[in-house]
Amino acid sequence: MITLLRTDADHPDFRSLVAQLDAALEVINGDAHAFFAPFNKVDTIKNALVAYDENQRPVGSGAIKPYDPHTMEVKRMYVPPDMRSQGVASIVLAGLEAWAAELGYQKCILETGRSFTEAIGLYRKNGYVKIPNYGQYAGNESSICFEKGLMRVDEGL
C-alpha cells in the first residue's frame, strides 16, 4: 500500500529522491542538462509529495508550484527504477492534482522530454493532453508539454 506525505522541498526524503532524479537526468540529457537545470530547482517549492511503501521506504516524489493564478505546474516527478510499473507515479500525480484543486487551481501543466516515452505514457494515461510548449520550453524541440483540467473540490460533492 502506498501512502502520501504532503510536505515541502526541504523534506529529506523529497531531497533524496530529487537527487536521484537529477543524477539520472544528467546521464540521459547529456549536454542539454545545463539548459534544464535552472528550471528544476526546488528551493521555492512549497508543495511536495513523497510516496512511501508499506515499509515506510520513500518510493516516489512529485511537486507542484504556481505557474499563474489558475495553473499549477507539476515538477520533479520521480519513481526509482525498482518501483516503476507498480502505479506509484499515478498515485503521486493524482495526489498532486487533488492538492492543486484543493488550493483552488483549475489545471495542471507539465513538461517532459520527448524521448521519455514512459513519462509521456503516464501523463496520457492520466488524462493529460499535449499543448504547445510554454514558457521557457517554447521552441525547445526536445520538450513536450501537457495539461489537465482539474475538478474543483465542490464539483465532486
Protein backbone atom coordinates (compact mmCIF):
# COMPACT_ATOMS: atom_id res chain seq x y z
CA MET A 1 0.00 0.00 0.00
CA ILE A 2 1.30 3.44 -0.95
CA THR A 3 0.83 6.40 1.39
CA LEU A 4 1.50 10.04 0.54
CA LEU A 5 3.08 12.69 2.71
CA ARG A 6 2.37 16.33 1.90
CA THR A 7 5.46 18.33 2.70
CA ASP A 8 7.74 20.93 1.15
CA ALA A 9 11.03 20.82 -0.72
CA ASP A 10 13.07 20.77 2.49
CA HIS A 11 11.94 17.28 3.48
CA PRO A 12 14.98 14.94 3.43
CA ASP A 13 13.19 12.11 1.60
CA PHE A 14 11.99 14.51 -1.10
CA ARG A 15 15.53 15.90 -1.44
CA SER A 16 16.96 12.39 -1.70
CA LEU A 17 14.55 11.38 -4.46
CA VAL A 18 15.20 14.63 -6.34
CA ALA A 19 18.96 13.98 -6.12
CA GLN A 20 18.37 10.53 -7.68
CA LEU A 21 16.24 12.16 -10.40
CA ASP A 22 18.87 14.80 -11.13
CA ALA A 23 21.62 12.16 -11.39
CA ALA A 24 19.52 10.13 -13.84
CA LEU A 25 18.61 13.20 -15.91
CA GLU A 26 22.24 14.32 -16.12
CA VAL A 27 23.12 10.99 -17.76
CA ILE A 28 20.03 10.92 -20.01
CA ASN A 29 20.10 14.57 -21.10
CA GLY A 30 23.85 14.84 -21.53
CA ASP A 31 24.83 18.27 -22.81
CA ALA A 32 21.22 19.51 -22.66
CA HIS A 33 21.17 19.03 -18.86
CA ALA A 34 22.60 22.52 -18.33
CA PHE A 35 19.60 24.05 -20.14
CA PHE A 36 17.02 22.29 -17.93
CA ALA A 37 18.81 22.50 -14.56
CA PRO A 38 17.77 26.11 -13.74
CA PHE A 39 14.08 25.21 -14.22
CA ASN A 40 14.32 22.26 -11.84
CA LYS A 41 15.48 23.98 -8.68
CA VAL A 42 13.33 23.08 -5.68
CA ASP A 43 14.21 25.93 -3.31
CA THR A 44 10.89 27.73 -3.83
CA ILE A 45 8.64 24.64 -3.90
CA LYS A 46 6.13 24.73 -1.08
CA ASN A 47 4.00 21.75 -2.19
CA ALA A 48 5.87 18.46 -2.45
CA LEU A 49 4.70 14.87 -2.07
CA VAL A 50 6.66 11.83 -1.01
CA ALA A 51 5.20 8.37 -1.57
CA TYR A 52 6.03 5.60 0.90
CA ASP A 53 5.61 1.85 0.61
CA GLU A 54 4.32 -0.37 3.42
CA ASN A 55 7.85 -0.45 4.90
CA GLN A 56 7.97 3.37 5.03
CA ARG A 57 10.57 3.45 2.26
CA PRO A 58 10.33 6.56 0.04
CA VAL A 59 9.32 5.25 -3.40
CA GLY A 60 8.21 8.33 -5.31
CA SER A 61 8.07 12.09 -5.38
CA GLY A 62 6.46 14.99 -7.15
CA ALA A 63 5.73 18.64 -6.58
CA ILE A 64 3.52 21.45 -7.75
CA LYS A 65 4.26 25.13 -7.96
CA PRO A 66 2.10 28.03 -9.11
CA TYR A 67 2.55 28.90 -12.78
CA ASP A 68 -0.19 31.52 -12.95
CA PRO A 69 -3.28 32.31 -10.82
CA HIS A 70 -5.21 29.38 -12.34
CA THR A 71 -2.45 26.88 -13.09
CA MET A 72 -0.10 24.68 -11.10
CA GLU A 73 2.99 23.24 -12.76
CA VAL A 74 3.88 19.64 -11.94
CA LYS A 75 7.59 19.29 -11.19
CA ARG A 76 10.13 16.72 -10.03
CA MET A 77 8.13 13.55 -10.67
CA TYR A 78 10.31 10.55 -9.87
CA VAL A 79 9.98 6.87 -9.01
CA PRO A 80 13.11 4.77 -8.51
CA PRO A 81 13.59 2.11 -11.22
CA ASP A 82 12.83 -0.82 -8.89
CA MET A 83 9.37 0.63 -8.09
CA ARG A 84 8.25 1.52 -11.62
CA SER A 85 5.25 -0.11 -13.31
CA GLN A 86 3.52 -0.53 -9.95
CA GLY A 87 1.26 2.53 -10.08
CA VAL A 88 3.32 4.73 -7.77
CA ALA A 89 3.68 7.59 -10.26
CA SER A 90 -0.07 7.65 -10.96
CA ILE A 91 -0.76 7.78 -7.21
CA VAL A 92 1.67 10.68 -6.79
CA LEU A 93 0.23 12.50 -9.78
CA ALA A 94 -3.34 12.08 -8.51
CA GLY A 95 -2.23 13.36 -5.11
CA LEU A 96 -0.68 16.45 -6.67
CA GLU A 97 -3.80 17.11 -8.75
CA ALA A 98 -6.05 16.79 -5.68
CA TRP A 99 -3.83 19.18 -3.74
CA ALA A 100 -3.84 21.72 -6.58
CA ALA A 101 -7.65 21.51 -6.79
CA GLU A 102 -7.95 21.99 -3.01
CA LEU A 103 -5.84 25.13 -3.37
CA GLY A 104 -8.28 26.44 -5.97
CA TYR A 105 -6.28 25.88 -9.15
CA GLN A 106 -8.12 24.95 -12.35
CA LYS A 107 -5.45 22.98 -14.21
CA CYS A 108 -2.02 21.44 -14.07
CA ILE A 109 0.66 21.75 -16.73
CA LEU A 110 3.97 19.98 -17.08
CA GLU A 111 6.96 19.44 -19.33
CA THR A 112 8.85 16.26 -20.05
CA GLY A 113 11.37 15.17 -22.62
CA ARG A 114 10.17 13.85 -25.99
CA SER A 115 12.41 10.82 -25.51
CA PHE A 116 10.81 9.91 -22.15
CA THR A 117 8.21 7.56 -23.58
CA GLU A 118 7.31 6.07 -20.17
CA ALA A 119 6.60 9.54 -18.75
CA ILE A 120 4.59 10.54 -21.81
CA GLY A 121 2.56 7.34 -21.47
CA LEU A 122 1.97 8.03 -17.77
CA TYR A 123 0.68 11.52 -18.40
CA ARG A 124 -1.56 10.47 -21.29
CA LYS A 125 -2.93 7.54 -19.26
CA ASN A 126 -3.82 10.01 -16.50
CA GLY A 127 -5.76 12.37 -18.75
CA TYR A 128 -3.12 14.89 -19.79
CA VAL A 129 -3.28 16.30 -23.31
CA LYS A 130 -0.45 17.73 -25.37
CA ILE A 131 -0.26 21.52 -25.54
CA PRO A 132 2.14 23.94 -27.22
CA ASN A 133 5.38 24.25 -25.29
CA TYR A 134 5.02 27.02 -22.73
CA GLY A 135 7.33 29.48 -21.04
CA GLN A 136 10.98 28.50 -21.06
CA TYR A 137 10.19 25.37 -23.09
CA ALA A 138 8.72 27.26 -26.07
CA GLY A 139 10.80 26.48 -29.13
CA ASN A 140 12.67 23.64 -27.42
CA GLU A 141 12.32 20.65 -29.75
CA SER A 142 13.36 18.15 -27.06
CA SER A 143 10.46 19.15 -24.78
CA ILE A 144 6.81 18.13 -24.88
CA CYS A 145 4.22 19.84 -22.67
CA PHE A 146 0.88 18.66 -21.33
CA GLU A 147 -2.08 19.97 -19.35
CA LYS A 148 -5.06 18.61 -17.48
CA GLY A 149 -8.11 20.42 -16.21
CA LEU A 150 -8.90 19.79 -12.55
CA MET A 151 -12.23 19.08 -10.95
CA ARG A 152 -12.99 21.62 -8.26
CA VAL A 153 -13.31 20.11 -4.82
CA ASP A 154 -17.00 21.16 -4.61
CA GLU A 155 -17.75 19.55 -8.03
CA GLY A 156 -17.22 16.11 -6.57
CA LEU A 157 -19.95 16.55 -3.96
